């Protein structure tokens, strides 16, 4: 079980660092938005794995809030980019 937890921590840690790198370096706002969605998804996966390993549902409201923030953030960025494209034409 400890080896499995270590593997989970390593995989999610590397994925988180690569995602943060894309947020910082990303050439466009859409790259940064996609990377932030991936980061929020990684956080949700880590919380879900923690819930499954420890067999509880206490962090389920946190997962729901993160999912809502992610959806609303993606929608607002898409609207912002769409408006920016319309102005340029």
PDB file of N, CA and C in Angstrom:
ATOM      1  N   UNK A   1       0.824  -1.200   0.000  1.00  0.00           N
ATOM      2  CA  UNK A   1       0.000   0.000   0.000  1.00  0.00           C
ATOM      3  C   UNK A   1       0.867   1.263   0.000  1.00  0.00           C
ATOM      4  N   UNK A   2       1.977   1.228   0.753  1.00  0.00           N
ATOM      5  CA  UNK A   2       2.852   2.398   0.806  1.00  0.00           C
ATOM      6  C   UNK A   2       3.515   2.669  -0.532  1.00  0.00           C
ATOM      7  N   UNK A   3       3.836   1.602  -1.276  1.00  0.00           N
ATOM      8  CA  UNK A   3       4.440   1.782  -2.589  1.00  0.00           C
ATOM      9  C   UNK A   3       3.442   2.415  -3.539  1.00  0.00           C
ATOM     10  N   UNK A   4       2.186   2.003  -3.451  1.00  0.00           N
ATOM     11  CA  UNK A   4       1.136   2.581  -4.290  1.00  0.00           C
ATOM     12  C   UNK A   4       0.945   4.069  -3.975  1.00  0.00           C
ATOM     13  N   UNK A   5       0.930   4.419  -2.709  1.00  0.00           N
ATOM     14  CA  UNK A   5       0.801   5.828  -2.324  1.00  0.00           C
ATOM     15  C   UNK A   5       1.992   6.648  -2.820  1.00  0.00           C
ATOM     16  N   UNK A   6       3.173   6.099  -2.719  1.00  0.00           N
ATOM     17  CA  UNK A   6       4.355   6.798  -3.206  1.00  0.00           C
ATOM     18  C   UNK A   6       4.278   7.011  -4.716  1.00  0.00           C
ATOM     19  N   UNK A   7       3.821   5.989  -5.438  1.00  0.00           N
ATOM     20  CA  UNK A   7       3.676   6.122  -6.890  1.00  0.00           C
ATOM     21  C   UNK A   7       2.638   7.180  -7.236  1.00  0.00           C
ATOM     22  N   UNK A   8       1.536   7.222  -6.508  1.00  0.00           N
ATOM     23  CA  UNK A   8       0.495   8.233  -6.736  1.00  0.00           C
ATOM     24  C   UNK A   8       1.056   9.631  -6.476  1.00  0.00           C
ATOM     25  N   UNK A   9       1.773   9.800  -5.382  1.00  0.00           N
ATOM     26  CA  UNK A   9       2.351  11.106  -5.061  1.00  0.00           C
ATOM     27  C   UNK A   9       3.339  11.554  -6.131  1.00  0.00           C
ATOM     28  N   UNK A  10       4.166  10.625  -6.611  1.00  0.00           N
ATOM     29  CA  UNK A  10       5.167  10.980  -7.618  1.00  0.00           C
ATOM     30  C   UNK A  10       4.496  11.377  -8.930  1.00  0.00           C
ATOM     31  N   UNK A  11       3.539  10.585  -9.378  1.00  0.00           N
ATOM     32  CA  UNK A  11       2.875  10.864 -10.655  1.00  0.00           C
ATOM     33  C   UNK A  11       2.120  12.187 -10.600  1.00  0.00           C
ATOM     34  N   UNK A  12       1.347  12.402  -9.551  1.00  0.00           N
ATOM     35  CA  UNK A  12       0.599  13.651  -9.439  1.00  0.00           C
ATOM     36  C   UNK A  12       1.526  14.843  -9.214  1.00  0.00           C
ATOM     37  N   UNK A  13       2.616  14.645  -8.511  1.00  0.00           N
ATOM     38  CA  UNK A  13       3.583  15.729  -8.314  1.00  0.00           C
ATOM     39  C   UNK A  13       4.244  16.162  -9.612  1.00  0.00           C
ATOM     40  N   UNK A  14       4.669  15.187 -10.409  1.00  0.00           N
ATOM     41  CA  UNK A  14       5.285  15.511 -11.700  1.00  0.00           C
ATOM     42  C   UNK A  14       4.274  16.173 -12.617  1.00  0.00           C
ATOM     43  N   UNK A  15       3.057  15.641 -12.654  1.00  0.00           N
ATOM     44  CA  UNK A  15       2.014  16.240 -13.494  1.00  0.00           C
ATOM     45  C   UNK A  15       1.705  17.668 -13.047  1.00  0.00           C
ATOM     46  N   UNK A  16       1.674  17.912 -11.746  1.00  0.00           N
ATOM     47  CA  UNK A  16       1.430  19.256 -11.236  1.00  0.00           C
ATOM     48  C   UNK A  16       2.536  20.225 -11.604  1.00  0.00           C
ATOM     49  N   UNK A  17       3.781  19.779 -11.500  1.00  0.00           N
ATOM     50  CA  UNK A  17       4.902  20.649 -11.859  1.00  0.00           C
ATOM     51  C   UNK A  17       4.909  20.970 -13.351  1.00  0.00           C
ATOM     52  N   UNK A  18       4.622  19.977 -14.186  1.00  0.00           N
ATOM     53  CA  UNK A  18       4.566  20.234 -15.623  1.00  0.00           C
ATOM     54  C   UNK A  18       3.411  21.175 -15.971  1.00  0.00           C
ATOM     55  N   UNK A  19       2.309  21.030 -15.273  1.00  0.00           N
ATOM     56  CA  UNK A  19       1.167  21.916 -15.518  1.00  0.00           C
ATOM     57  C   UNK A  19       1.483  23.342 -15.080  1.00  0.00           C
ATOM     58  N   UNK A  20       2.120  23.495 -13.938  1.00  0.00           N
ATOM     59  CA  UNK A  20       2.522  24.832 -13.496  1.00  0.00           C
ATOM     60  C   UNK A  20       3.507  25.457 -14.479  1.00  0.00           C
ATOM     61  N   UNK A  21       4.401  24.645 -15.037  1.00  0.00           N
ATOM     62  CA  UNK A  21       5.332  25.150 -16.029  1.00  0.00           C
ATOM     63  C   UNK A  21       4.579  25.666 -17.255  1.00  0.00           C
ATOM     64  N   UNK A  22       3.545  24.953 -17.683  1.00  0.00           N
ATOM     65  CA  UNK A  22       2.763  25.389 -18.839  1.00  0.00           C
ATOM     66  C   UNK A  22       2.001  26.671 -18.521  1.00  0.00           C
ATOM     67  N   UNK A  23       1.533  26.823 -17.292  1.00  0.00           N
ATOM     68  CA  UNK A  23       0.838  28.054 -16.918  1.00  0.00           C
ATOM     69  C   UNK A  23       1.794  29.242 -16.978  1.00  0.00           C
ATOM     70  N   UNK A  24       3.014  29.056 -16.511  1.00  0.00           N
ATOM     71  CA  UNK A  24       3.978  30.151 -16.488  1.00  0.00           C
ATOM     72  C   UNK A  24       4.507  30.453 -17.885  1.00  0.00           C
ATOM     73  N   UNK A  25       4.848  29.436 -18.659  1.00  0.00           N
ATOM     74  CA  UNK A  25       5.518  29.617 -19.942  1.00  0.00           C
ATOM     75  C   UNK A  25       4.536  29.748 -21.099  1.00  0.00           C
ATOM     76  N   UNK A  26       3.338  29.188 -20.947  1.00  0.00           N
ATOM     77  CA  UNK A  26       2.374  29.119 -22.047  1.00  0.00           C
ATOM     78  C   UNK A  26       2.328  30.353 -22.916  1.00  0.00           C
ATOM     79  N   UNK A  27       2.433  30.196 -24.241  1.00  0.00           N
ATOM     80  CA  UNK A  27       2.516  31.364 -25.110  1.00  0.00           C
ATOM     81  C   UNK A  27       1.196  32.129 -25.253  1.00  0.00           C
ATOM     82  N   UNK A  28       0.086  31.483 -25.061  1.00  0.00           N
ATOM     83  CA  UNK A  28      -1.181  32.192 -25.241  1.00  0.00           C
ATOM     84  C   UNK A  28      -2.069  32.027 -24.012  1.00  0.00           C
ATOM     85  N   UNK A  29      -3.107  32.842 -23.964  1.00  0.00           N
ATOM     86  CA  UNK A  29      -4.048  32.768 -22.846  1.00  0.00           C
ATOM     87  C   UNK A  29      -4.805  31.451 -22.858  1.00  0.00           C
ATOM     88  N   UNK A  30      -5.037  30.888 -24.041  1.00  0.00           N
ATOM     89  CA  UNK A  30      -5.738  29.612 -24.118  1.00  0.00           C
ATOM     90  C   UNK A  30      -4.892  28.468 -23.586  1.00  0.00           C
ATOM     91  N   UNK A  31      -3.574  28.514 -23.798  1.00  0.00           N
ATOM     92  CA  UNK A  31      -2.686  27.505 -23.216  1.00  0.00           C
ATOM     93  C   UNK A  31      -2.711  27.581 -21.689  1.00  0.00           C
ATOM     94  N   UNK A  32      -2.672  28.791 -21.191  1.00  0.00           N
ATOM     95  CA  UNK A  32      -2.712  28.971 -19.733  1.00  0.00           C
ATOM     96  C   UNK A  32      -4.055  28.534 -19.157  1.00  0.00           C
ATOM     97  N   UNK A  33      -5.148  28.808 -19.873  1.00  0.00           N
ATOM     98  CA  UNK A  33      -6.470  28.403 -19.402  1.00  0.00           C
ATOM     99  C   UNK A  33      -6.601  26.884 -19.389  1.00  0.00           C
ATOM    100  N   UNK A  34      -6.121  26.245 -20.437  1.00  0.00           N
ATOM    101  CA  UNK A  34      -6.177  24.781 -20.478  1.00  0.00           C
ATOM    102  C   UNK A  34      -5.319  24.175 -19.374  1.00  0.00           C
ATOM    103  N   UNK A  35      -4.156  24.761 -19.128  1.00  0.00           N
ATOM    104  CA  UNK A  35      -3.282  24.257 -18.070  1.00  0.00           C
ATOM    105  C   UNK A  35      -3.905  24.459 -16.693  1.00  0.00           C
ATOM    106  N   UNK A  36      -4.598  25.569 -16.491  1.00  0.00           N
ATOM    107  CA  UNK A  36      -5.252  25.772 -15.191  1.00  0.00           C
ATOM    108  C   UNK A  36      -6.397  24.786 -14.998  1.00  0.00           C
ATOM    109  N   UNK A  37      -7.098  24.444 -16.082  1.00  0.00           N
ATOM    110  CA  UNK A  37      -8.127  23.410 -15.980  1.00  0.00           C
ATOM    111  C   UNK A  37      -7.509  22.054 -15.639  1.00  0.00           C
ATOM    112  N   UNK A  38      -6.378  21.761 -16.246  1.00  0.00           N
ATOM    113  CA  UNK A  38      -5.689  20.504 -15.938  1.00  0.00           C
ATOM    114  C   UNK A  38      -5.229  20.490 -14.488  1.00  0.00           C
ATOM    115  N   UNK A  39      -4.740  21.621 -13.999  1.00  0.00           N
ATOM    116  CA  UNK A  39      -4.292  21.694 -12.605  1.00  0.00           C
ATOM    117  C   UNK A  39      -5.454  21.483 -11.643  1.00  0.00           C
ATOM    118  N   UNK A  40      -6.583  22.105 -11.928  1.00  0.00           N
ATOM    119  CA  UNK A  40      -7.754  21.889 -11.077  1.00  0.00           C
ATOM    120  C   UNK A  40      -8.227  20.445 -11.146  1.00  0.00           C
ATOM    121  N   UNK A  41      -8.138  19.830 -12.309  1.00  0.00           N
ATOM    122  CA  UNK A  41      -8.503  18.426 -12.441  1.00  0.00           C
ATOM    123  C   UNK A  41      -7.545  17.537 -11.651  1.00  0.00           C
ATOM    124  N   UNK A  42      -6.261  17.878 -11.667  1.00  0.00           N
ATOM    125  CA  UNK A  42      -5.291  17.125 -10.866  1.00  0.00           C
ATOM    126  C   UNK A  42      -5.597  17.228  -9.375  1.00  0.00           C
ATOM    127  N   UNK A  43      -5.950  18.424  -8.934  1.00  0.00           N
ATOM    128  CA  UNK A  43      -6.306  18.605  -7.525  1.00  0.00           C
ATOM    129  C   UNK A  43      -7.525  17.758  -7.185  1.00  0.00           C
ATOM    130  N   UNK A  44      -8.503  17.746  -8.091  1.00  0.00           N
ATOM    131  CA  UNK A  44      -9.698  16.929  -7.855  1.00  0.00           C
ATOM    132  C   UNK A  44      -9.355  15.442  -7.812  1.00  0.00           C
ATOM    133  N   UNK A  45      -8.451  15.009  -8.680  1.00  0.00           N
ATOM    134  CA  UNK A  45      -8.042  13.603  -8.679  1.00  0.00           C
ATOM    135  C   UNK A  45      -7.300  13.233  -7.399  1.00  0.00           C
ATOM    136  N   UNK A  46      -6.449  14.122  -6.929  1.00  0.00           N
ATOM    137  CA  UNK A  46      -5.730  13.862  -5.678  1.00  0.00           C
ATOM    138  C   UNK A  46      -6.715  13.765  -4.517  1.00  0.00           C
ATOM    139  N   UNK A  47      -7.670  14.676  -4.467  1.00  0.00           N
ATOM    140  CA  UNK A  47      -8.668  14.621  -3.394  1.00  0.00           C
ATOM    141  C   UNK A  47      -9.527  13.363  -3.505  1.00  0.00           C
ATOM    142  N   UNK A  48      -9.888  12.981  -4.726  1.00  0.00           N
ATOM    143  CA  UNK A  48     -10.660  11.757  -4.916  1.00  0.00           C
ATOM    144  C   UNK A  48      -9.877  10.520  -4.519  1.00  0.00           C
ATOM    145  N   UNK A  49      -8.586  10.486  -4.859  1.00  0.00           N
ATOM    146  CA  UNK A  49      -7.749   9.352  -4.450  1.00  0.00           C
ATOM    147  C   UNK A  49      -7.614   9.294  -2.939  1.00  0.00           C
ATOM    148  N   UNK A  50      -7.472  10.452  -2.322  1.00  0.00           N
ATOM    149  CA  UNK A  50      -7.385  10.492  -0.851  1.00  0.00           C
ATOM    150  C   UNK A  50      -8.679   9.999  -0.215  1.00  0.00           C
ATOM    151  N   UNK A  51      -9.810  10.380  -0.811  1.00  0.00           N
ATOM    152  CA  UNK A  51     -11.097   9.901  -0.290  1.00  0.00           C
ATOM    153  C   UNK A  51     -11.212   8.387  -0.430  1.00  0.00           C
ATOM    154  N   UNK A  52     -10.768   7.845  -1.562  1.00  0.00           N
ATOM    155  CA  UNK A  52     -10.862   6.405  -1.781  1.00  0.00           C
ATOM    156  C   UNK A  52      -9.921   5.630  -0.866  1.00  0.00           C
ATOM    157  N   UNK A  53      -8.725   6.159  -0.661  1.00  0.00           N
ATOM    158  CA  UNK A  53      -7.755   5.465   0.180  1.00  0.00           C
ATOM    159  C   UNK A  53      -8.205   5.471   1.640  1.00  0.00           C
ATOM    160  N   UNK A  54      -8.681   6.613   2.118  1.00  0.00           N
ATOM    161  CA  UNK A  54      -9.082   6.725   3.523  1.00  0.00           C
ATOM    162  C   UNK A  54     -10.552   6.394   3.756  1.00  0.00           C
ATOM    163  N   UNK A  55     -11.287   6.061   2.706  1.00  0.00           N
ATOM    164  CA  UNK A  55     -12.677   5.620   2.777  1.00  0.00           C
ATOM    165  C   UNK A  55     -13.572   6.597   3.537  1.00  0.00           C
ATOM    166  N   UNK A  56     -13.629   7.836   3.013  1.00  0.00           N
ATOM    167  CA  UNK A  56     -14.528   8.840   3.579  1.00  0.00           C
ATOM    168  C   UNK A  56     -15.043   9.725   2.457  1.00  0.00           C
ATOM    169  N   UNK A  57     -16.014  10.562   2.784  1.00  0.00           N
ATOM    170  CA  UNK A  57     -16.572  11.490   1.792  1.00  0.00           C
ATOM    171  C   UNK A  57     -16.582  12.923   2.318  1.00  0.00           C
ATOM    172  N   UNK A  58     -15.729  13.235   3.252  1.00  0.00           N
ATOM    173  CA  UNK A  58     -15.724  14.574   3.845  1.00  0.00           C
ATOM    174  C   UNK A  58     -15.304  15.661   2.871  1.00  0.00           C
ATOM    175  N   UNK A  59     -14.487  15.343   1.894  1.00  0.00           N
ATOM    176  CA  UNK A  59     -14.005  16.365   0.975  1.00  0.00           C
ATOM    177  C   UNK A  59     -14.846  16.455  -0.308  1.00  0.00           C
ATOM    178  N   UNK A  60     -15.979  15.780  -0.327  1.00  0.00           N
ATOM    179  CA  UNK A  60     -16.844  15.843  -1.504  1.00  0.00           C
ATOM    180  C   UNK A  60     -17.350  17.255  -1.786  1.00  0.00           C
ATOM    181  N   UNK A  61     -17.756  18.058  -0.775  1.00  0.00           N
ATOM    182  CA  UNK A  61     -18.143  19.444  -1.077  1.00  0.00           C
ATOM    183  C   UNK A  61     -17.006  20.261  -1.685  1.00  0.00           C
ATOM    184  N   UNK A  62     -15.783  20.008  -1.267  1.00  0.00           N
ATOM    185  CA  UNK A  62     -14.637  20.708  -1.838  1.00  0.00           C
ATOM    186  C   UNK A  62     -14.486  20.344  -3.315  1.00  0.00           C
ATOM    187  N   UNK A  63     -14.681  19.080  -3.644  1.00  0.00           N
ATOM    188  CA  UNK A  63     -14.614  18.645  -5.041  1.00  0.00           C
ATOM    189  C   UNK A  63     -15.681  19.341  -5.877  1.00  0.00           C
ATOM    190  N   UNK A  64     -16.867  19.474  -5.349  1.00  0.00           N
ATOM    191  CA  UNK A  64     -17.945  20.134  -6.080  1.00  0.00           C
ATOM    192  C   UNK A  64     -17.648  21.617  -6.307  1.00  0.00           C
ATOM    193  N   UNK A  65     -17.101  22.275  -5.328  1.00  0.00           N
ATOM    194  CA  UNK A  65     -16.756  23.695  -5.474  1.00  0.00           C
ATOM    195  C   UNK A  65     -15.637  23.870  -6.495  1.00  0.00           C
ATOM    196  N   UNK A  66     -14.628  23.011  -6.450  1.00  0.00           N
ATOM    197  CA  UNK A  66     -13.540  23.097  -7.419  1.00  0.00           C
ATOM    198  C   UNK A  66     -14.066  22.866  -8.829  1.00  0.00           C
ATOM    199  N   UNK A  67     -14.965  21.903  -8.996  1.00  0.00           N
ATOM    200  CA  UNK A  67     -15.535  21.638 -10.316  1.00  0.00           C
ATOM    201  C   UNK A  67     -16.329  22.838 -10.823  1.00  0.00           C
ATOM    202  N   UNK A  68     -17.112  23.465  -9.937  1.00  0.00           N
ATOM    203  CA  UNK A  68     -17.892  24.639 -10.348  1.00  0.00           C
ATOM    204  C   UNK A  68     -16.983  25.805 -10.726  1.00  0.00           C
ATOM    205  N   UNK A  69     -15.954  26.043  -9.950  1.00  0.00           N
ATOM    206  CA  UNK A  69     -15.016  27.128 -10.254  1.00  0.00           C
ATOM    207  C   UNK A  69     -14.325  26.864 -11.587  1.00  0.00           C
ATOM    208  N   UNK A  70     -13.961  25.625 -11.836  1.00  0.00           N
ATOM    209  CA  UNK A  70     -13.303  25.274 -13.088  1.00  0.00           C
ATOM    210  C   UNK A  70     -14.215  25.512 -14.284  1.00  0.00           C
ATOM    211  N   UNK A  71     -15.456  25.100 -14.184  1.00  0.00           N
ATOM    212  CA  UNK A  71     -16.404  25.291 -15.289  1.00  0.00           C
ATOM    213  C   UNK A  71     -16.650  26.771 -15.539  1.00  0.00           C
ATOM    214  N   UNK A  72     -16.938  27.514 -14.485  1.00  0.00           N
ATOM    215  CA  UNK A  72     -17.223  28.941 -14.658  1.00  0.00           C
ATOM    216  C   UNK A  72     -15.992  29.706 -15.146  1.00  0.00           C
ATOM    217  N   UNK A  73     -14.816  29.319 -14.700  1.00  0.00           N
ATOM    218  CA  UNK A  73     -13.591  29.953 -15.178  1.00  0.00           C
ATOM    219  C   UNK A  73     -13.359  29.679 -16.658  1.00  0.00           C
ATOM    220  N   UNK A  74     -13.587  28.457 -17.080  1.00  0.00           N
ATOM    221  CA  UNK A  74     -13.418  28.124 -18.501  1.00  0.00           C
ATOM    222  C   UNK A  74     -14.408  28.879 -19.368  1.00  0.00           C
ATOM    223  N   UNK A  75     -15.631  28.981 -18.912  1.00  0.00           N
ATOM    224  CA  UNK A  75     -16.652  29.707 -19.670  1.00  0.00           C
ATOM    225  C   UNK A  75     -16.300  31.184 -19.775  1.00  0.00           C
ATOM    226  N   UNK A  76     -15.861  31.779 -18.684  1.00  0.00           N
ATOM    227  CA  UNK A  76     -15.533  33.210 -18.720  1.00  0.00           C
ATOM    228  C   UNK A  76     -14.321  33.484 -19.612  1.00  0.00           C
ATOM    229  N   UNK A  77     -13.325  32.601 -19.597  1.00  0.00           N
ATOM    230  CA  UNK A  77     -12.163  32.793 -20.466  1.00  0.00           C
ATOM    231  C   UNK A  77     -12.566  32.633 -21.923  1.00  0.00           C
ATOM    232  N   UNK A  78     -13.416  31.654 -22.212  1.00  0.00           N
ATOM    233  CA  UNK A  78     -13.872  31.457 -23.592  1.00  0.00           C
ATOM    234  C   UNK A  78     -14.651  32.677 -24.090  1.00  0.00           C
ATOM    235  N   UNK A  79     -15.486  33.258 -23.239  1.00  0.00           N
ATOM    236  CA  UNK A  79     -16.219  34.454 -23.639  1.00  0.00           C
ATOM    237  C   UNK A  79     -15.283  35.635 -23.849  1.00  0.00           C
ATOM    238  N   UNK A  80     -14.283  35.775 -22.999  1.00  0.00           N
ATOM    239  CA  UNK A  80     -13.319  36.857 -23.133  1.00  0.00           C
ATOM    240  C   UNK A  80     -12.549  36.742 -24.445  1.00  0.00           C
ATOM    241  N   UNK A  81     -12.097  35.545 -24.762  1.00  0.00           N
ATOM    242  CA  UNK A  81     -11.337  35.329 -25.994  1.00  0.00           C
ATOM    243  C   UNK A  81     -12.242  35.536 -27.210  1.00  0.00           C
ATOM    244  N   UNK A  82     -13.494  35.098 -27.122  1.00  0.00           N
ATOM    245  CA  UNK A  82     -14.421  35.289 -28.244  1.00  0.00           C
ATOM    246  C   UNK A  82     -14.683  36.773 -28.481  1.00  0.00           C
ATOM    247  N   UNK A  83     -14.852  37.558 -27.446  1.00  0.00           N
ATOM    248  CA  UNK A  83     -15.043  38.999 -27.595  1.00  0.00           C
ATOM    249  C   UNK A  83     -13.815  39.663 -28.174  1.00  0.00           C
ATOM    250  N   UNK A  84     -12.651  39.226 -27.750  1.00  0.00           N
ATOM    251  CA  UNK A  84     -11.409  39.783 -28.249  1.00  0.00           C
ATOM    252  C   UNK A  84     -11.253  39.496 -29.749  1.00  0.00           C
ATOM    253  N   UNK A  85     -11.666  38.306 -30.166  1.00  0.00           N
ATOM    254  CA  UNK A  85     -11.608  37.978 -31.600  1.00  0.00           C
ATOM    255  C   UNK A  85     -12.604  38.789 -32.410  1.00  0.00           C
ATOM    256  N   UNK A  86     -13.783  39.047 -31.852  1.00  0.00           N
ATOM    257  CA  UNK A  86     -14.792  39.840 -32.574  1.00  0.00           C
ATOM    258  C   UNK A  86     -14.345  41.282 -32.747  1.00  0.00           C
ATOM    259  N   UNK A  87     -13.676  41.853 -31.784  1.00  0.00           N
ATOM    260  CA  UNK A  87     -13.208  43.224 -31.857  1.00  0.00           C
ATOM    261  C   UNK A  87     -12.123  43.365 -32.913  1.00  0.00           C
ATOM    262  N   UNK A  88     -11.288  42.348 -33.074  1.00  0.00           N
ATOM    263  CA  UNK A  88     -10.190  42.388 -34.027  1.00  0.00           C
ATOM    264  C   UNK A  88     -10.638  42.324 -35.476  1.00  0.00           C
ATOM    265  N   UNK A  89     -11.844  41.875 -35.738  1.00  0.00           N
ATOM    266  CA  UNK A  89     -12.316  41.724 -37.131  1.00  0.00           C
ATOM    267  C   UNK A  89     -12.822  42.990 -37.696  1.00  0.00           C
TER     268      UNK A  89
END
